[in-house]
């Protein structure tokens, strides 16, 4: 039983397969909700392998720093297999690039991809300047959760925008409903993970605003972000079916503080879970109301 738990629960979380799969789930649910059909294989590969590559590189970079404190299991794997993890990350990014190339993005699509690449690099490399010092986005505690959340949303918008067939109308109303429904949840899981990393952030001289919140304030903020997606129901394009499953998957982010979960892998699954249930909700809504 322990071996099965390691293979199907812990290892996928440590190797970032959970986050990569959740990226596929998020862009696929966006396309099903906004366009009424799924994304192409090329874009799904780009989303999954691109996310995997970036997270693996981040794991290699952070193994001797913040991950050693906040994610020791992941850090240990990256330290013991640094070369394999680095090569796997590069291979994943190459596969993502092939997926993009076969999808033939438009000029605006390439521009959005350049924006996503910049956001990804800002998370990995010190390409931002703050107070005369070069730093990564991790050193900007107020901006970090917002930038990460907007990167996820931009990725979904990119795939939806590039998946529109010739002559097909783009539904701004459906996209607005999807944004109102999921952007607060993206912020919710970002600040939840920020709180998980609070001890590492303090140790390395970049304390996070959200990590330093008192338990009561942290709970109120989580409840606020959890409740904001309900506003999307004001749009006639938003289905209660898919929204309720997005929220169902996010309940763990409100119910538990990260430090209440002793399992490092469980924290990853809780943070990513709402994107999987959201895809299930999008598929169910399409099956119930195919029109």
C-alpha atoms as a PDB file:
ATOM      1  CA  UNK A   1       0.000   0.000   0.000  1.00  0.00           C
ATOM      2  CA  UNK A   2       2.852   2.379   0.821  1.00  0.00           C
ATOM      3  CA  UNK A   3       4.445   1.733  -2.577  1.00  0.00           C
ATOM      4  CA  UNK A   4       1.158   2.477  -4.325  1.00  0.00           C
ATOM      5  CA  UNK A   5       0.800   5.692  -2.340  1.00  0.00           C
ATOM      6  CA  UNK A   6       4.291   6.739  -3.345  1.00  0.00           C
ATOM      7  CA  UNK A   7       3.729   5.925  -7.039  1.00  0.00           C
ATOM      8  CA  UNK A   8       0.302   7.471  -7.477  1.00  0.00           C
ATOM      9  CA  UNK A   9       0.238  10.201  -4.829  1.00  0.00           C
ATOM     10  CA  UNK A  10       3.624  11.414  -3.614  1.00  0.00           C
ATOM     11  CA  UNK A  11       5.919  10.988  -6.625  1.00  0.00           C
ATOM     12  CA  UNK A  12       3.577  12.734  -9.122  1.00  0.00           C
ATOM     13  CA  UNK A  13       3.440  15.694  -6.732  1.00  0.00           C
ATOM     14  CA  UNK A  14       7.215  15.828  -6.177  1.00  0.00           C
ATOM     15  CA  UNK A  15       7.944  15.502  -9.921  1.00  0.00           C
ATOM     16  CA  UNK A  16       5.478  18.309 -10.750  1.00  0.00           C
ATOM     17  CA  UNK A  17       3.281  15.983 -12.796  1.00  0.00           C
ATOM     18  CA  UNK A  18       0.262  17.099 -10.756  1.00  0.00           C
ATOM     19  CA  UNK A  19       0.797  20.776 -11.592  1.00  0.00           C
ATOM     20  CA  UNK A  20       1.436  19.955 -15.257  1.00  0.00           C
ATOM     21  CA  UNK A  21      -1.759  17.896 -15.470  1.00  0.00           C
ATOM     22  CA  UNK A  22      -3.687  20.662 -13.723  1.00  0.00           C
ATOM     23  CA  UNK A  23      -2.497  23.120 -16.391  1.00  0.00           C
ATOM     24  CA  UNK A  24      -3.912  20.815 -19.072  1.00  0.00           C
ATOM     25  CA  UNK A  25      -7.165  20.579 -17.104  1.00  0.00           C
ATOM     26  CA  UNK A  26      -7.389  24.359 -16.736  1.00  0.00           C
ATOM     27  CA  UNK A  27      -6.909  25.256 -20.405  1.00  0.00           C
ATOM     28  CA  UNK A  28      -9.169  22.403 -21.506  1.00  0.00           C
ATOM     29  CA  UNK A  29     -11.947  23.553 -19.179  1.00  0.00           C
ATOM     30  CA  UNK A  30     -11.497  27.117 -20.466  1.00  0.00           C
ATOM     31  CA  UNK A  31     -11.977  25.985 -24.054  1.00  0.00           C
ATOM     32  CA  UNK A  32     -14.979  23.834 -23.209  1.00  0.00           C
ATOM     33  CA  UNK A  33     -16.629  26.684 -21.308  1.00  0.00           C
ATOM     34  CA  UNK A  34     -15.757  29.531 -23.686  1.00  0.00           C
ATOM     35  CA  UNK A  35     -15.802  27.736 -27.056  1.00  0.00           C
ATOM     36  CA  UNK A  36     -18.018  24.760 -26.291  1.00  0.00           C
ATOM     37  CA  UNK A  37     -15.342  22.231 -27.312  1.00  0.00           C
ATOM     38  CA  UNK A  38     -11.928  21.043 -26.296  1.00  0.00           C
ATOM     39  CA  UNK A  39      -8.518  22.431 -27.144  1.00  0.00           C
ATOM     40  CA  UNK A  40      -6.257  20.899 -29.766  1.00  0.00           C
ATOM     41  CA  UNK A  41      -3.654  18.291 -28.875  1.00  0.00           C
ATOM     42  CA  UNK A  42      -0.822  20.674 -29.725  1.00  0.00           C
ATOM     43  CA  UNK A  43      -2.004  23.313 -27.271  1.00  0.00           C
ATOM     44  CA  UNK A  44      -2.632  20.748 -24.552  1.00  0.00           C
ATOM     45  CA  UNK A  45       0.918  19.451 -24.999  1.00  0.00           C
ATOM     46  CA  UNK A  46       2.218  23.007 -24.870  1.00  0.00           C
ATOM     47  CA  UNK A  47       0.334  23.714 -21.643  1.00  0.00           C
ATOM     48  CA  UNK A  48       1.256  20.468 -19.906  1.00  0.00           C
ATOM     49  CA  UNK A  49       4.884  20.121 -20.934  1.00  0.00           C
ATOM     50  CA  UNK A  50       5.556  23.861 -20.693  1.00  0.00           C
ATOM     51  CA  UNK A  51       4.304  23.893 -17.112  1.00  0.00           C
ATOM     52  CA  UNK A  52       6.250  20.727 -16.323  1.00  0.00           C
ATOM     53  CA  UNK A  53       9.483  22.165 -17.709  1.00  0.00           C
ATOM     54  CA  UNK A  54       9.202  25.429 -15.792  1.00  0.00           C
ATOM     55  CA  UNK A  55       8.315  23.727 -12.502  1.00  0.00           C
ATOM     56  CA  UNK A  56      11.136  21.192 -12.855  1.00  0.00           C
ATOM     57  CA  UNK A  57      13.662  23.971 -13.510  1.00  0.00           C
ATOM     58  CA  UNK A  58      12.310  25.847 -10.513  1.00  0.00           C
ATOM     59  CA  UNK A  59      12.730  22.699  -8.418  1.00  0.00           C
ATOM     60  CA  UNK A  60      16.356  22.304  -9.498  1.00  0.00           C
ATOM     61  CA  UNK A  61      17.071  25.975  -8.820  1.00  0.00           C
ATOM     62  CA  UNK A  62      15.366  25.956  -5.420  1.00  0.00           C
ATOM     63  CA  UNK A  63      16.621  22.588  -4.141  1.00  0.00           C
ATOM     64  CA  UNK A  64      19.413  24.121  -2.059  1.00  0.00           C
ATOM     65  CA  UNK A  65      17.400  27.164  -1.026  1.00  0.00           C
ATOM     66  CA  UNK A  66      13.706  27.663  -0.197  1.00  0.00           C
ATOM     67  CA  UNK A  67      12.543  24.157  -1.191  1.00  0.00           C
ATOM     68  CA  UNK A  68      14.939  22.649   1.344  1.00  0.00           C
ATOM     69  CA  UNK A  69      12.729  24.278   3.990  1.00  0.00           C
ATOM     70  CA  UNK A  70       9.214  24.232   2.520  1.00  0.00           C
ATOM     71  CA  UNK A  71       9.343  21.171   0.223  1.00  0.00           C
ATOM     72  CA  UNK A  72      12.129  18.888   1.472  1.00  0.00           C
ATOM     73  CA  UNK A  73      10.842  15.834  -0.428  1.00  0.00           C
ATOM     74  CA  UNK A  74      10.934  17.646  -3.747  1.00  0.00           C
ATOM     75  CA  UNK A  75      14.282  19.230  -2.873  1.00  0.00           C
ATOM     76  CA  UNK A  76      15.819  15.865  -2.016  1.00  0.00           C
ATOM     77  CA  UNK A  77      14.798  14.357  -5.363  1.00  0.00           C
ATOM     78  CA  UNK A  78      16.160  17.369  -7.259  1.00  0.00           C
ATOM     79  CA  UNK A  79      19.473  17.287  -5.378  1.00  0.00           C
ATOM     80  CA  UNK A  80      19.982  13.544  -5.909  1.00  0.00           C
ATOM     81  CA  UNK A  81      18.973  13.641  -9.582  1.00  0.00           C
ATOM     82  CA  UNK A  82      19.888  17.194 -10.584  1.00  0.00           C
ATOM     83  CA  UNK A  83      21.177  16.251 -14.030  1.00  0.00           C
ATOM     84  CA  UNK A  84      18.217  14.028 -14.896  1.00  0.00           C
ATOM     85  CA  UNK A  85      15.735  16.648 -13.678  1.00  0.00           C
ATOM     86  CA  UNK A  86      17.445  19.396 -15.669  1.00  0.00           C
ATOM     87  CA  UNK A  87      17.494  17.318 -18.852  1.00  0.00           C
ATOM     88  CA  UNK A  88      13.871  16.309 -18.300  1.00  0.00           C
ATOM     89  CA  UNK A  89      12.909  19.966 -17.930  1.00  0.00           C
ATOM     90  CA  UNK A  90      14.667  20.912 -21.160  1.00  0.00           C
ATOM     91  CA  UNK A  91      13.062  17.973 -22.981  1.00  0.00           C
ATOM     92  CA  UNK A  92       9.633  18.993 -21.666  1.00  0.00           C
ATOM     93  CA  UNK A  93      10.129  22.564 -22.886  1.00  0.00           C
ATOM     94  CA  UNK A  94      11.188  21.276 -26.308  1.00  0.00           C
ATOM     95  CA  UNK A  95       8.032  19.152 -26.523  1.00  0.00           C
ATOM     96  CA  UNK A  96       6.006  22.210 -25.482  1.00  0.00           C
ATOM     97  CA  UNK A  97       7.690  24.228 -28.220  1.00  0.00           C
ATOM     98  CA  UNK A  98       6.863  21.518 -30.758  1.00  0.00           C
ATOM     99  CA  UNK A  99       3.247  21.606 -29.603  1.00  0.00           C
ATOM    100  CA  UNK A 100       3.143  25.357 -30.133  1.00  0.00           C
ATOM    101  CA  UNK A 101       4.785  25.100 -33.556  1.00  0.00           C
ATOM    102  CA  UNK A 102       2.350  22.463 -34.799  1.00  0.00           C
ATOM    103  CA  UNK A 103      -0.560  24.604 -33.570  1.00  0.00           C
ATOM    104  CA  UNK A 104       0.548  27.485 -35.835  1.00  0.00           C
ATOM    105  CA  UNK A 105      -0.225  30.454 -33.561  1.00  0.00           C
ATOM    106  CA  UNK A 106      -1.126  33.848 -34.998  1.00  0.00           C
ATOM    107  CA  UNK A 107       1.017  36.956 -34.571  1.00  0.00           C
ATOM    108  CA  UNK A 108      -0.956  37.930 -31.478  1.00  0.00           C
ATOM    109  CA  UNK A 109      -0.526  34.367 -30.230  1.00  0.00           C
ATOM    110  CA  UNK A 110       3.250  34.655 -30.513  1.00  0.00           C
ATOM    111  CA  UNK A 111       3.119  37.930 -28.606  1.00  0.00           C
ATOM    112  CA  UNK A 112       1.143  36.298 -25.799  1.00  0.00           C
ATOM    113  CA  UNK A 113       3.608  33.409 -25.761  1.00  0.00           C
ATOM    114  CA  UNK A 114       6.442  35.929 -25.418  1.00  0.00           C
ATOM    115  CA  UNK A 115       4.607  37.449 -22.447  1.00  0.00           C
ATOM    116  CA  UNK A 116       4.195  34.020 -20.849  1.00  0.00           C
ATOM    117  CA  UNK A 117       7.876  33.252 -21.439  1.00  0.00           C
ATOM    118  CA  UNK A 118       8.836  36.502 -19.713  1.00  0.00           C
ATOM    119  CA  UNK A 119       6.629  35.694 -16.720  1.00  0.00           C
ATOM    120  CA  UNK A 120       8.133  32.219 -16.507  1.00  0.00           C
ATOM    121  CA  UNK A 121      11.687  33.534 -16.690  1.00  0.00           C
ATOM    122  CA  UNK A 122      10.918  36.176 -14.065  1.00  0.00           C
ATOM    123  CA  UNK A 123      10.044  33.315 -11.715  1.00  0.00           C
ATOM    124  CA  UNK A 124      13.266  31.420 -12.430  1.00  0.00           C
ATOM    125  CA  UNK A 125      15.918  34.029 -13.163  1.00  0.00           C
ATOM    126  CA  UNK A 126      16.848  37.426 -11.642  1.00  0.00           C
ATOM    127  CA  UNK A 127      15.705  39.517 -14.603  1.00  0.00           C
ATOM    128  CA  UNK A 128      13.741  42.111 -12.592  1.00  0.00           C
ATOM    129  CA  UNK A 129      15.393  45.101 -10.960  1.00  0.00           C
ATOM    130  CA  UNK A 130      14.385  46.217  -7.484  1.00  0.00           C
ATOM    131  CA  UNK A 131      16.271  48.810  -5.457  1.00  0.00           C
ATOM    132  CA  UNK A 132      19.323  48.498  -7.689  1.00  0.00           C
ATOM    133  CA  UNK A 133      19.434  44.696  -7.250  1.00  0.00           C
ATOM    134  CA  UNK A 134      18.483  42.055  -9.805  1.00  0.00           C
ATOM    135  CA  UNK A 135      15.890  39.636  -8.450  1.00  0.00           C
ATOM    136  CA  UNK A 136      13.195  37.124  -9.401  1.00  0.00           C
ATOM    137  CA  UNK A 137       9.459  37.609  -8.947  1.00  0.00           C
ATOM    138  CA  UNK A 138       9.786  35.613  -5.713  1.00  0.00           C
ATOM    139  CA  UNK A 139      11.453  38.649  -4.145  1.00  0.00           C
ATOM    140  CA  UNK A 140       8.346  40.772  -4.769  1.00  0.00           C
ATOM    141  CA  UNK A 141       5.899  39.370  -2.187  1.00  0.00           C
ATOM    142  CA  UNK A 142       2.992  41.639  -3.137  1.00  0.00           C
ATOM    143  CA  UNK A 143       3.242  40.978  -6.860  1.00  0.00           C
ATOM    144  CA  UNK A 144       4.186  37.300  -6.852  1.00  0.00           C
ATOM    145  CA  UNK A 145       0.701  35.754  -6.323  1.00  0.00           C
ATOM    146  CA  UNK A 146      -0.900  38.202  -8.754  1.00  0.00           C
ATOM    147  CA  UNK A 147       1.707  37.601 -11.471  1.00  0.00           C
ATOM    148  CA  UNK A 148       1.450  33.822 -11.115  1.00  0.00           C
ATOM    149  CA  UNK A 149      -2.360  33.964 -11.261  1.00  0.00           C
ATOM    150  CA  UNK A 150      -2.346  36.229 -14.318  1.00  0.00           C
ATOM    151  CA  UNK A 151       0.125  33.894 -16.029  1.00  0.00           C
ATOM    152  CA  UNK A 152      -2.307  30.975 -15.608  1.00  0.00           C
ATOM    153  CA  UNK A 153      -5.176  33.111 -16.893  1.00  0.00           C
ATOM    154  CA  UNK A 154      -3.128  34.393 -19.848  1.00  0.00           C
ATOM    155  CA  UNK A 155      -2.260  30.819 -20.776  1.00  0.00           C
ATOM    156  CA  UNK A 156      -5.954  29.879 -20.818  1.00  0.00           C
ATOM    157  CA  UNK A 157      -6.815  32.969 -22.853  1.00  0.00           C
ATOM    158  CA  UNK A 158      -4.044  32.181 -25.330  1.00  0.00           C
ATOM    159  CA  UNK A 159      -5.280  28.633 -25.925  1.00  0.00           C
ATOM    160  CA  UNK A 160      -8.906  29.770 -26.257  1.00  0.00           C
ATOM    161  CA  UNK A 161      -7.992  32.631 -28.584  1.00  0.00           C
ATOM    162  CA  UNK A 162      -5.854  30.443 -30.834  1.00  0.00           C
ATOM    163  CA  UNK A 163      -8.403  27.604 -30.851  1.00  0.00           C
ATOM    164  CA  UNK A 164     -11.170  29.705 -32.411  1.00  0.00           C
ATOM    165  CA  UNK A 165     -11.991  28.229 -35.799  1.00  0.00           C
ATOM    166  CA  UNK A 166     -12.180  30.359 -38.932  1.00  0.00           C
ATOM    167  CA  UNK A 167     -15.521  32.149 -39.013  1.00  0.00           C
ATOM    168  CA  UNK A 168     -16.307  31.171 -35.424  1.00  0.00           C
ATOM    169  CA  UNK A 169     -17.473  33.953 -33.122  1.00  0.00           C
ATOM    170  CA  UNK A 170     -15.489  34.670 -29.949  1.00  0.00           C
ATOM    171  CA  UNK A 171     -17.753  34.909 -26.930  1.00  0.00           C
ATOM    172  CA  UNK A 172     -16.484  37.764 -24.772  1.00  0.00           C
ATOM    173  CA  UNK A 173     -19.348  37.141 -22.349  1.00  0.00           C
ATOM    174  CA  UNK A 174     -18.324  33.528 -21.769  1.00  0.00           C
ATOM    175  CA  UNK A 175     -14.684  34.511 -21.347  1.00  0.00           C
ATOM    176  CA  UNK A 176     -15.615  37.232 -18.850  1.00  0.00           C
ATOM    177  CA  UNK A 177     -17.678  34.717 -16.872  1.00  0.00           C
ATOM    178  CA  UNK A 178     -14.789  32.238 -16.857  1.00  0.00           C
ATOM    179  CA  UNK A 179     -12.393  34.976 -15.701  1.00  0.00           C
ATOM    180  CA  UNK A 180     -14.630  36.139 -12.843  1.00  0.00           C
ATOM    181  CA  UNK A 181     -15.131  32.517 -11.798  1.00  0.00           C
ATOM    182  CA  UNK A 182     -11.505  31.354 -11.850  1.00  0.00           C
ATOM    183  CA  UNK A 183      -9.215  34.349 -11.254  1.00  0.00           C
ATOM    184  CA  UNK A 184     -10.130  34.510  -7.523  1.00  0.00           C
ATOM    185  CA  UNK A 185      -9.426  30.775  -7.263  1.00  0.00           C
ATOM    186  CA  UNK A 186      -6.057  31.245  -8.944  1.00  0.00           C
ATOM    187  CA  UNK A 187      -5.264  33.931  -6.388  1.00  0.00           C
ATOM    188  CA  UNK A 188      -6.556  31.681  -3.612  1.00  0.00           C
ATOM    189  CA  UNK A 189      -4.228  28.784  -4.399  1.00  0.00           C
ATOM    190  CA  UNK A 190      -1.311  31.200  -4.987  1.00  0.00           C
ATOM    191  CA  UNK A 191      -1.605  32.827  -1.564  1.00  0.00           C
ATOM    192  CA  UNK A 192      -2.261  29.417   0.018  1.00  0.00           C
ATOM    193  CA  UNK A 193       1.053  28.178  -1.392  1.00  0.00           C
ATOM    194  CA  UNK A 194       2.684  31.448  -0.314  1.00  0.00           C
ATOM    195  CA  UNK A 195       1.582  30.648   3.214  1.00  0.00           C
ATOM    196  CA  UNK A 196       3.089  27.167   2.871  1.00  0.00           C
ATOM    197  CA  UNK A 197       6.428  28.763   1.946  1.00  0.00           C
ATOM    198  CA  UNK A 198       6.403  31.397   4.684  1.00  0.00           C
ATOM    199  CA  UNK A 199       9.220  29.917   6.789  1.00  0.00           C
ATOM    200  CA  UNK A 200      11.474  29.554   3.750  1.00  0.00           C
ATOM    201  CA  UNK A 201      10.685  33.116   2.634  1.00  0.00           C
ATOM    202  CA  UNK A 202      11.634  34.498   6.048  1.00  0.00           C
ATOM    203  CA  UNK A 203      14.835  32.453   6.176  1.00  0.00           C
ATOM    204  CA  UNK A 204      15.954  33.748   2.793  1.00  0.00           C
ATOM    205  CA  UNK A 205      15.085  37.373   3.482  1.00  0.00           C
ATOM    206  CA  UNK A 206      11.898  37.830   1.482  1.00  0.00           C
ATOM    207  CA  UNK A 207       8.955  37.515   3.896  1.00  0.00           C
ATOM    208  CA  UNK A 208       5.584  37.249   2.167  1.00  0.00           C
ATOM    209  CA  UNK A 209       2.679  39.472   3.137  1.00  0.00           C
ATOM    210  CA  UNK A 210       0.256  36.559   2.912  1.00  0.00           C
ATOM    211  CA  UNK A 211       2.559  34.200   4.753  1.00  0.00           C
ATOM    212  CA  UNK A 212       2.725  36.582   7.707  1.00  0.00           C
ATOM    213  CA  UNK A 213      -1.053  36.951   8.087  1.00  0.00           C
ATOM    214  CA  UNK A 214      -2.572  35.928  11.404  1.00  0.00           C
ATOM    215  CA  UNK A 215      -4.732  32.756  11.212  1.00  0.00           C
ATOM    216  CA  UNK A 216      -7.992  34.735  11.440  1.00  0.00           C
ATOM    217  CA  UNK A 217      -7.032  37.225   8.720  1.00  0.00           C
ATOM    218  CA  UNK A 218      -5.747  34.417   6.505  1.00  0.00           C
ATOM    219  CA  UNK A 219      -9.056  32.574   6.878  1.00  0.00           C
ATOM    220  CA  UNK A 220     -11.101  35.683   6.059  1.00  0.00           C
ATOM    221  CA  UNK A 221      -9.030  36.319   2.940  1.00  0.00           C
ATOM    222  CA  UNK A 222      -9.506  32.722   1.810  1.00  0.00           C
ATOM    223  CA  UNK A 223     -13.267  32.933   2.392  1.00  0.00           C
ATOM    224  CA  UNK A 224     -13.433  36.172   0.396  1.00  0.00           C
ATOM    225  CA  UNK A 225     -11.590  34.727  -2.587  1.00  0.00           C
ATOM    226  CA  UNK A 226     -13.634  31.524  -2.379  1.00  0.00           C
ATOM    227  CA  UNK A 227     -16.883  33.518  -2.444  1.00  0.00           C
ATOM    228  CA  UNK A 228     -16.033  35.953  -5.256  1.00  0.00           C
ATOM    229  CA  UNK A 229     -16.591  33.427  -8.085  1.00  0.00           C
ATOM    230  CA  UNK A 230     -20.302  33.375  -7.171  1.00  0.00           C
ATOM    231  CA  UNK A 231     -20.507  36.828  -8.799  1.00  0.00           C
ATOM    232  CA  UNK A 232     -19.961  35.136 -12.156  1.00  0.00           C
ATOM    233  CA  UNK A 233     -23.485  33.708 -11.875  1.00  0.00           C
ATOM    234  CA  UNK A 234     -24.719  37.212 -12.730  1.00  0.00           C
ATOM    235  CA  UNK A 235     -23.692  36.376 -16.275  1.00  0.00           C
ATOM    236  CA  UNK A 236     -26.237  34.246 -18.153  1.00  0.00           C
ATOM    237  CA  UNK A 237     -23.367  32.379 -19.817  1.00  0.00           C
ATOM    238  CA  UNK A 238     -22.131  30.883 -16.553  1.00  0.00           C
ATOM    239  CA  UNK A 239     -23.425  27.446 -15.639  1.00  0.00           C
ATOM    240  CA  UNK A 240     -24.009  26.624 -11.989  1.00  0.00           C
ATOM    241  CA  UNK A 241     -22.957  23.051 -12.823  1.00  0.00           C
ATOM    242  CA  UNK A 242     -19.365  23.805 -13.767  1.00  0.00           C
ATOM    243  CA  UNK A 243     -18.979  26.642 -11.261  1.00  0.00           C
ATOM    244  CA  UNK A 244     -20.093  24.447  -8.360  1.00  0.00           C
ATOM    245  CA  UNK A 245     -17.466  21.836  -9.225  1.00  0.00           C
ATOM    246  CA  UNK A 246     -14.728  24.474  -9.425  1.00  0.00           C
ATOM    247  CA  UNK A 247     -15.746  25.584  -5.933  1.00  0.00           C
ATOM    248  CA  UNK A 248     -16.049  22.030  -4.653  1.00  0.00           C
ATOM    249  CA  UNK A 249     -12.436  21.386  -5.610  1.00  0.00           C
ATOM    250  CA  UNK A 250     -11.300  24.609  -3.915  1.00  0.00           C
ATOM    251  CA  UNK A 251     -12.960  23.862  -0.574  1.00  0.00           C
ATOM    252  CA  UNK A 252      -9.780  22.296   0.777  1.00  0.00           C
ATOM    253  CA  UNK A 253      -7.952  25.605   0.374  1.00  0.00           C
ATOM    254  CA  UNK A 254     -10.443  27.165   2.787  1.00  0.00           C
ATOM    255  CA  UNK A 255     -10.852  24.220   5.135  1.00  0.00           C
ATOM    256  CA  UNK A 256      -7.141  23.628   5.747  1.00  0.00           C
ATOM    257  CA  UNK A 257      -4.205  25.886   6.358  1.00  0.00           C
ATOM    258  CA  UNK A 258      -1.075  24.481   4.675  1.00  0.00           C
ATOM    259  CA  UNK A 259       0.575  23.824   8.038  1.00  0.00           C
ATOM    260  CA  UNK A 260      -2.371  21.640   9.055  1.00  0.00           C
ATOM    261  CA  UNK A 261      -1.425  19.157   6.321  1.00  0.00           C
ATOM    262  CA  UNK A 262       1.669  17.220   7.304  1.00  0.00           C
ATOM    263  CA  UNK A 263       2.025  15.613   3.876  1.00  0.00           C
ATOM    264  CA  UNK A 264       4.027  17.693   1.408  1.00  0.00           C
ATOM    265  CA  UNK A 265       2.376  15.896  -1.512  1.00  0.00           C
ATOM    266  CA  UNK A 266      -1.105  16.488  -0.081  1.00  0.00           C
ATOM    267  CA  UNK A 267      -0.500  20.249  -0.165  1.00  0.00           C
ATOM    268  CA  UNK A 268       0.249  20.056  -3.884  1.00  0.00           C
ATOM    269  CA  UNK A 269      -2.884  18.006  -4.577  1.00  0.00           C
ATOM    270  CA  UNK A 270      -5.059  20.383  -2.527  1.00  0.00           C
ATOM    271  CA  UNK A 271      -3.658  23.449  -4.317  1.00  0.00           C
ATOM    272  CA  UNK A 272      -4.208  21.963  -7.782  1.00  0.00           C
ATOM    273  CA  UNK A 273      -7.374  19.965  -7.152  1.00  0.00           C
ATOM    274  CA  UNK A 274      -9.917  22.608  -8.140  1.00  0.00           C
ATOM    275  CA  UNK A 275      -8.627  22.646 -11.710  1.00  0.00           C
ATOM    276  CA  UNK A 276      -9.352  18.917 -12.054  1.00  0.00           C
ATOM    277  CA  UNK A 277     -12.848  19.145 -10.604  1.00  0.00           C
ATOM    278  CA  UNK A 278     -13.430  22.231 -12.755  1.00  0.00           C
ATOM    279  CA  UNK A 279     -12.701  20.245 -15.906  1.00  0.00           C
ATOM    280  CA  UNK A 280     -15.125  17.565 -14.715  1.00  0.00           C
ATOM    281  CA  UNK A 281     -17.705  20.313 -14.208  1.00  0.00           C
ATOM    282  CA  UNK A 282     -17.114  21.743 -17.690  1.00  0.00           C
ATOM    283  CA  UNK A 283     -17.558  18.305 -19.262  1.00  0.00           C
ATOM    284  CA  UNK A 284     -20.674  17.619 -17.200  1.00  0.00           C
ATOM    285  CA  UNK A 285     -22.204  20.977 -18.093  1.00  0.00           C
ATOM    286  CA  UNK A 286     -21.596  20.285 -21.791  1.00  0.00           C
ATOM    287  CA  UNK A 287     -23.214  16.865 -21.468  1.00  0.00           C
ATOM    288  CA  UNK A 288     -26.281  18.253 -19.683  1.00  0.00           C
ATOM    289  CA  UNK A 289     -26.689  21.269 -21.979  1.00  0.00           C
ATOM    290  CA  UNK A 290     -24.868  20.539 -25.242  1.00  0.00           C
ATOM    291  CA  UNK A 291     -26.296  23.694 -26.751  1.00  0.00           C
END
